[in-house]
């Protein structure tokens, strides 16, 4: 058994960060060196509201 990431060992495109999905702008990743802030190479994703972002409030006010 290995403590290394299986995807790293297999050479697969992936990221160890978490995607933060915004309502009004592009998603971002918690890893500074991530070059693909799309959902597919990430295991974890959260909505921006969970970290105190106010873009969902701006969207609600616009309606």
PDB file of N, CA and C in Angstrom:
ATOM      1  N   UNK A   1       0.850  -1.184   0.000  1.00  0.00           N
ATOM      2  CA  UNK A   1       0.000   0.000   0.000  1.00  0.00           C
ATOM      3  C   UNK A   1       0.893   1.243   0.000  1.00  0.00           C
ATOM      4  N   UNK A   2       0.458   2.258  -0.728  1.00  0.00           N
ATOM      5  CA  UNK A   2       1.238   3.477  -0.871  1.00  0.00           C
ATOM      6  C   UNK A   2       0.457   4.671  -0.325  1.00  0.00           C
ATOM      7  N   UNK A   3       1.174   5.655   0.196  1.00  0.00           N
ATOM      8  CA  UNK A   3       0.545   6.876   0.688  1.00  0.00           C
ATOM      9  C   UNK A   3       0.448   7.923  -0.410  1.00  0.00           C
ATOM     10  N   UNK A   4       0.950   7.592  -1.598  1.00  0.00           N
ATOM     11  CA  UNK A   4       0.906   8.539  -2.702  1.00  0.00           C
ATOM     12  C   UNK A   4      -0.454   8.493  -3.405  1.00  0.00           C
ATOM     13  N   UNK A   5      -0.799   9.595  -4.016  1.00  0.00           N
ATOM     14  CA  UNK A   5      -2.065   9.716  -4.736  1.00  0.00           C
ATOM     15  C   UNK A   5      -2.082   8.769  -5.938  1.00  0.00           C
ATOM     16  N   UNK A   6      -3.146   8.019  -6.101  1.00  0.00           N
ATOM     17  CA  UNK A   6      -3.268   7.079  -7.229  1.00  0.00           C
ATOM     18  C   UNK A   6      -3.233   7.797  -8.563  1.00  0.00           C
ATOM     19  N   UNK A   7      -3.920   8.945  -8.648  1.00  0.00           N
ATOM     20  CA  UNK A   7      -3.933   9.701  -9.894  1.00  0.00           C
ATOM     21  C   UNK A   7      -2.547  10.233 -10.234  1.00  0.00           C
ATOM     22  N   UNK A   8      -1.787  10.651  -9.217  1.00  0.00           N
ATOM     23  CA  UNK A   8      -0.412  11.111  -9.448  1.00  0.00           C
ATOM     24  C   UNK A   8       0.445   9.955  -9.977  1.00  0.00           C
ATOM     25  N   UNK A   9       0.329   8.807  -9.351  1.00  0.00           N
ATOM     26  CA  UNK A   9       1.106   7.641  -9.769  1.00  0.00           C
ATOM     27  C   UNK A   9       0.758   7.217 -11.194  1.00  0.00           C
ATOM     28  N   UNK A  10      -0.517   7.375 -11.579  1.00  0.00           N
ATOM     29  CA  UNK A  10      -0.964   6.978 -12.911  1.00  0.00           C
ATOM     30  C   UNK A  10      -0.729   8.064 -13.962  1.00  0.00           C
ATOM     31  N   UNK A  11      -0.294   9.254 -13.524  1.00  0.00           N
ATOM     32  CA  UNK A  11      -0.047  10.339 -14.467  1.00  0.00           C
ATOM     33  C   UNK A  11      -1.316  10.970 -15.016  1.00  0.00           C
ATOM     34  N   UNK A  12      -2.416  10.877 -14.278  1.00  0.00           N
ATOM     35  CA  UNK A  12      -3.695  11.418 -14.728  1.00  0.00           C
ATOM     36  C   UNK A  12      -3.811  12.913 -14.420  1.00  0.00           C
ATOM     37  N   UNK A  13      -4.528  13.639 -15.278  1.00  0.00           N
ATOM     38  CA  UNK A  13      -4.773  15.056 -15.076  1.00  0.00           C
ATOM     39  C   UNK A  13      -5.754  15.219 -13.924  1.00  0.00           C
ATOM     40  N   UNK A  14      -5.308  15.845 -12.842  1.00  0.00           N
ATOM     41  CA  UNK A  14      -6.172  16.052 -11.687  1.00  0.00           C
ATOM     42  C   UNK A  14      -5.586  17.164 -10.819  1.00  0.00           C
ATOM     43  N   UNK A  15      -6.357  17.580  -9.816  1.00  0.00           N
ATOM     44  CA  UNK A  15      -5.910  18.620  -8.895  1.00  0.00           C
ATOM     45  C   UNK A  15      -6.305  18.206  -7.479  1.00  0.00           C
ATOM     46  N   UNK A  16      -5.458  18.501  -6.517  1.00  0.00           N
ATOM     47  CA  UNK A  16      -5.742  18.174  -5.125  1.00  0.00           C
ATOM     48  C   UNK A  16      -6.516  19.280  -4.413  1.00  0.00           C
ATOM     49  N   UNK A  17      -6.782  20.368  -5.122  1.00  0.00           N
ATOM     50  CA  UNK A  17      -7.511  21.494  -4.535  1.00  0.00           C
ATOM     51  C   UNK A  17      -9.013  21.302  -4.583  1.00  0.00           C
ATOM     52  N   UNK A  18      -9.713  22.304  -4.112  1.00  0.00           N
ATOM     53  CA  UNK A  18     -11.170  22.318  -4.101  1.00  0.00           C
ATOM     54  C   UNK A  18     -11.663  23.431  -5.019  1.00  0.00           C
ATOM     55  N   UNK A  19     -12.626  23.129  -5.866  1.00  0.00           N
ATOM     56  CA  UNK A  19     -13.230  24.129  -6.741  1.00  0.00           C
ATOM     57  C   UNK A  19     -14.246  24.932  -5.941  1.00  0.00           C
ATOM     58  N   UNK A  20     -14.174  26.245  -6.074  1.00  0.00           N
ATOM     59  CA  UNK A  20     -15.167  27.137  -5.475  1.00  0.00           C
ATOM     60  C   UNK A  20     -16.020  27.655  -6.622  1.00  0.00           C
ATOM     61  N   UNK A  21     -17.294  27.265  -6.631  1.00  0.00           N
ATOM     62  CA  UNK A  21     -18.210  27.654  -7.719  1.00  0.00           C
ATOM     63  C   UNK A  21     -18.902  28.959  -7.364  1.00  0.00           C
ATOM     64  N   UNK A  22     -18.737  29.946  -8.249  1.00  0.00           N
ATOM     65  CA  UNK A  22     -19.357  31.264  -8.062  1.00  0.00           C
ATOM     66  C   UNK A  22     -20.586  31.392  -8.951  1.00  0.00           C
ATOM     67  N   UNK A  23     -21.541  32.184  -8.499  1.00  0.00           N
ATOM     68  CA  UNK A  23     -22.763  32.404  -9.279  1.00  0.00           C
ATOM     69  C   UNK A  23     -22.530  33.395 -10.410  1.00  0.00           C
ATOM     70  N   UNK A  24     -21.662  34.376 -10.189  1.00  0.00           N
ATOM     71  CA  UNK A  24     -21.516  35.454 -11.157  1.00  0.00           C
ATOM     72  C   UNK A  24     -20.155  35.537 -11.834  1.00  0.00           C
ATOM     73  N   UNK A  25     -19.247  34.650 -11.512  1.00  0.00           N
ATOM     74  CA  UNK A  25     -17.952  34.668 -12.175  1.00  0.00           C
ATOM     75  C   UNK A  25     -17.396  33.259 -12.284  1.00  0.00           C
ATOM     76  N   UNK A  26     -16.258  33.138 -12.939  1.00  0.00           N
ATOM     77  CA  UNK A  26     -15.650  31.834 -13.193  1.00  0.00           C
ATOM     78  C   UNK A  26     -15.269  31.138 -11.883  1.00  0.00           C
ATOM     79  N   UNK A  27     -15.364  29.840 -11.878  1.00  0.00           N
ATOM     80  CA  UNK A  27     -14.959  29.061 -10.711  1.00  0.00           C
ATOM     81  C   UNK A  27     -13.473  29.254 -10.460  1.00  0.00           C
ATOM     82  N   UNK A  28     -13.082  29.055  -9.203  1.00  0.00           N
ATOM     83  CA  UNK A  28     -11.672  29.151  -8.858  1.00  0.00           C
ATOM     84  C   UNK A  28     -11.274  27.949  -8.020  1.00  0.00           C
ATOM     85  N   UNK A  29      -9.977  27.696  -7.958  1.00  0.00           N
ATOM     86  CA  UNK A  29      -9.453  26.549  -7.211  1.00  0.00           C
ATOM     87  C   UNK A  29      -8.646  27.054  -6.020  1.00  0.00           C
ATOM     88  N   UNK A  30      -8.620  26.264  -4.960  1.00  0.00           N
ATOM     89  CA  UNK A  30      -7.861  26.636  -3.764  1.00  0.00           C
ATOM     90  C   UNK A  30      -6.363  26.419  -3.931  1.00  0.00           C
ATOM     91  N   UNK A  31      -5.958  25.690  -4.954  1.00  0.00           N
ATOM     92  CA  UNK A  31      -4.534  25.468  -5.225  1.00  0.00           C
ATOM     93  C   UNK A  31      -4.013  26.582  -6.118  1.00  0.00           C
ATOM     94  N   UNK A  32      -2.964  27.236  -5.686  1.00  0.00           N
ATOM     95  CA  UNK A  32      -2.408  28.378  -6.425  1.00  0.00           C
ATOM     96  C   UNK A  32      -1.886  28.000  -7.806  1.00  0.00           C
ATOM     97  N   UNK A  33      -1.362  26.800  -7.957  1.00  0.00           N
ATOM     98  CA  UNK A  33      -0.772  26.402  -9.240  1.00  0.00           C
ATOM     99  C   UNK A  33      -1.745  25.645 -10.151  1.00  0.00           C
ATOM    100  N   UNK A  34      -3.022  25.641  -9.827  1.00  0.00           N
ATOM    101  CA  UNK A  34      -4.016  24.961 -10.658  1.00  0.00           C
ATOM    102  C   UNK A  34      -4.228  25.736 -11.957  1.00  0.00           C
ATOM    103  N   UNK A  35      -4.169  25.036 -13.064  1.00  0.00           N
ATOM    104  CA  UNK A  35      -4.341  25.677 -14.366  1.00  0.00           C
ATOM    105  C   UNK A  35      -5.688  25.331 -15.005  1.00  0.00           C
ATOM    106  N   UNK A  36      -6.520  24.576 -14.301  1.00  0.00           N
ATOM    107  CA  UNK A  36      -7.785  24.136 -14.876  1.00  0.00           C
ATOM    108  C   UNK A  36      -8.913  24.309 -13.862  1.00  0.00           C
ATOM    109  N   UNK A  37      -9.444  25.536 -13.700  1.00  0.00           N
ATOM    110  CA  UNK A  37     -10.511  25.721 -12.714  1.00  0.00           C
ATOM    111  C   UNK A  37     -11.876  25.236 -13.202  1.00  0.00           C
ATOM    112  N   UNK A  38     -11.890  24.145 -13.938  1.00  0.00           N
ATOM    113  CA  UNK A  38     -13.133  23.501 -14.314  1.00  0.00           C
ATOM    114  C   UNK A  38     -13.379  22.354 -13.346  1.00  0.00           C
ATOM    115  N   UNK A  39     -14.560  21.846 -13.335  1.00  0.00           N
ATOM    116  CA  UNK A  39     -14.956  20.837 -12.353  1.00  0.00           C
ATOM    117  C   UNK A  39     -14.275  19.484 -12.544  1.00  0.00           C
ATOM    118  N   UNK A  40     -14.051  19.058 -13.774  1.00  0.00           N
ATOM    119  CA  UNK A  40     -13.639  17.678 -14.038  1.00  0.00           C
ATOM    120  C   UNK A  40     -12.351  17.208 -13.336  1.00  0.00           C
ATOM    121  N   UNK A  41     -11.256  17.950 -13.336  1.00  0.00           N
ATOM    122  CA  UNK A  41     -10.051  17.399 -12.703  1.00  0.00           C
ATOM    123  C   UNK A  41     -10.044  17.506 -11.173  1.00  0.00           C
ATOM    124  N   UNK A  42     -11.141  17.904 -10.572  1.00  0.00           N
ATOM    125  CA  UNK A  42     -11.206  18.094  -9.124  1.00  0.00           C
ATOM    126  C   UNK A  42     -12.140  17.088  -8.461  1.00  0.00           C
ATOM    127  N   UNK A  43     -11.752  16.651  -7.284  1.00  0.00           N
ATOM    128  CA  UNK A  43     -12.575  15.721  -6.520  1.00  0.00           C
ATOM    129  C   UNK A  43     -13.596  16.469  -5.676  1.00  0.00           C
ATOM    130  N   UNK A  44     -13.194  17.634  -5.172  1.00  0.00           N
ATOM    131  CA  UNK A  44     -14.052  18.382  -4.258  1.00  0.00           C
ATOM    132  C   UNK A  44     -14.507  19.708  -4.867  1.00  0.00           C
ATOM    133  N   UNK A  45     -15.760  20.089  -4.591  1.00  0.00           N
ATOM    134  CA  UNK A  45     -16.317  21.361  -5.057  1.00  0.00           C
ATOM    135  C   UNK A  45     -17.278  21.886  -4.001  1.00  0.00           C
ATOM    136  N   UNK A  46     -17.239  23.219  -3.802  1.00  0.00           N
ATOM    137  CA  UNK A  46     -18.168  23.857  -2.876  1.00  0.00           C
ATOM    138  C   UNK A  46     -18.748  25.099  -3.557  1.00  0.00           C
ATOM    139  N   UNK A  47     -19.893  25.559  -3.077  1.00  0.00           N
ATOM    140  CA  UNK A  47     -20.462  26.813  -3.551  1.00  0.00           C
ATOM    141  C   UNK A  47     -19.788  27.951  -2.790  1.00  0.00           C
ATOM    142  N   UNK A  48     -19.628  29.074  -3.449  1.00  0.00           N
ATOM    143  CA  UNK A  48     -18.909  30.200  -2.867  1.00  0.00           C
ATOM    144  C   UNK A  48     -19.566  30.720  -1.591  1.00  0.00           C
ATOM    145  N   UNK A  49     -20.855  30.523  -1.473  1.00  0.00           N
ATOM    146  CA  UNK A  49     -21.585  30.960  -0.289  1.00  0.00           C
ATOM    147  C   UNK A  49     -21.007  30.336   0.988  1.00  0.00           C
ATOM    148  N   UNK A  50     -20.450  29.126   0.866  1.00  0.00           N
ATOM    149  CA  UNK A  50     -19.882  28.417   2.017  1.00  0.00           C
ATOM    150  C   UNK A  50     -18.650  29.110   2.590  1.00  0.00           C
ATOM    151  N   UNK A  51     -18.014  29.967   1.784  1.00  0.00           N
ATOM    152  CA  UNK A  51     -16.819  30.673   2.273  1.00  0.00           C
ATOM    153  C   UNK A  51     -17.081  32.166   2.463  1.00  0.00           C
ATOM    154  N   UNK A  52     -18.353  32.559   2.428  1.00  0.00           N
ATOM    155  CA  UNK A  52     -18.717  33.933   2.701  1.00  0.00           C
ATOM    156  C   UNK A  52     -18.710  34.867   1.506  1.00  0.00           C
ATOM    157  N   UNK A  53     -18.665  34.344   0.306  1.00  0.00           N
ATOM    158  CA  UNK A  53     -18.715  35.169  -0.894  1.00  0.00           C
ATOM    159  C   UNK A  53     -20.112  35.770  -1.028  1.00  0.00           C
ATOM    160  N   UNK A  54     -20.181  36.991  -1.514  1.00  0.00           N
ATOM    161  CA  UNK A  54     -21.463  37.681  -1.607  1.00  0.00           C
ATOM    162  C   UNK A  54     -22.052  37.705  -3.014  1.00  0.00           C
ATOM    163  N   UNK A  55     -21.472  36.973  -3.968  1.00  0.00           N
ATOM    164  CA  UNK A  55     -21.981  37.051  -5.335  1.00  0.00           C
ATOM    165  C   UNK A  55     -23.380  36.445  -5.465  1.00  0.00           C
ATOM    166  N   UNK A  56     -23.755  35.484  -4.641  1.00  0.00           N
ATOM    167  CA  UNK A  56     -25.118  34.950  -4.710  1.00  0.00           C
ATOM    168  C   UNK A  56     -26.121  35.964  -4.187  1.00  0.00           C
ATOM    169  N   UNK A  57     -25.696  36.796  -3.218  1.00  0.00           N
ATOM    170  CA  UNK A  57     -26.583  37.843  -2.706  1.00  0.00           C
ATOM    171  C   UNK A  57     -26.815  38.899  -3.792  1.00  0.00           C
ATOM    172  N   UNK A  58     -25.766  39.221  -4.546  1.00  0.00           N
ATOM    173  CA  UNK A  58     -25.901  40.179  -5.638  1.00  0.00           C
ATOM    174  C   UNK A  58     -26.855  39.661  -6.697  1.00  0.00           C
ATOM    175  N   UNK A  59     -26.812  38.367  -6.951  1.00  0.00           N
ATOM    176  CA  UNK A  59     -27.702  37.758  -7.933  1.00  0.00           C
ATOM    177  C   UNK A  59     -29.157  37.830  -7.441  1.00  0.00           C
ATOM    178  N   UNK A  60     -29.389  37.590  -6.168  1.00  0.00           N
ATOM    179  CA  UNK A  60     -30.739  37.634  -5.611  1.00  0.00           C
ATOM    180  C   UNK A  60     -31.306  39.050  -5.651  1.00  0.00           C
ATOM    181  N   UNK A  61     -30.466  40.054  -5.445  1.00  0.00           N
ATOM    182  CA  UNK A  61     -30.929  41.442  -5.486  1.00  0.00           C
ATOM    183  C   UNK A  61     -31.296  41.877  -6.896  1.00  0.00           C
ATOM    184  N   UNK A  62     -30.655  41.265  -7.895  1.00  0.00           N
ATOM    185  CA  UNK A  62     -30.901  41.643  -9.287  1.00  0.00           C
ATOM    186  C   UNK A  62     -32.241  41.118  -9.796  1.00  0.00           C
ATOM    187  N   UNK A  63     -32.783  40.118  -9.132  1.00  0.00           N
ATOM    188  CA  UNK A  63     -34.034  39.502  -9.611  1.00  0.00           C
ATOM    189  C   UNK A  63     -35.229  40.269  -9.147  1.00  0.00           C
TER     190      UNK A  63
END
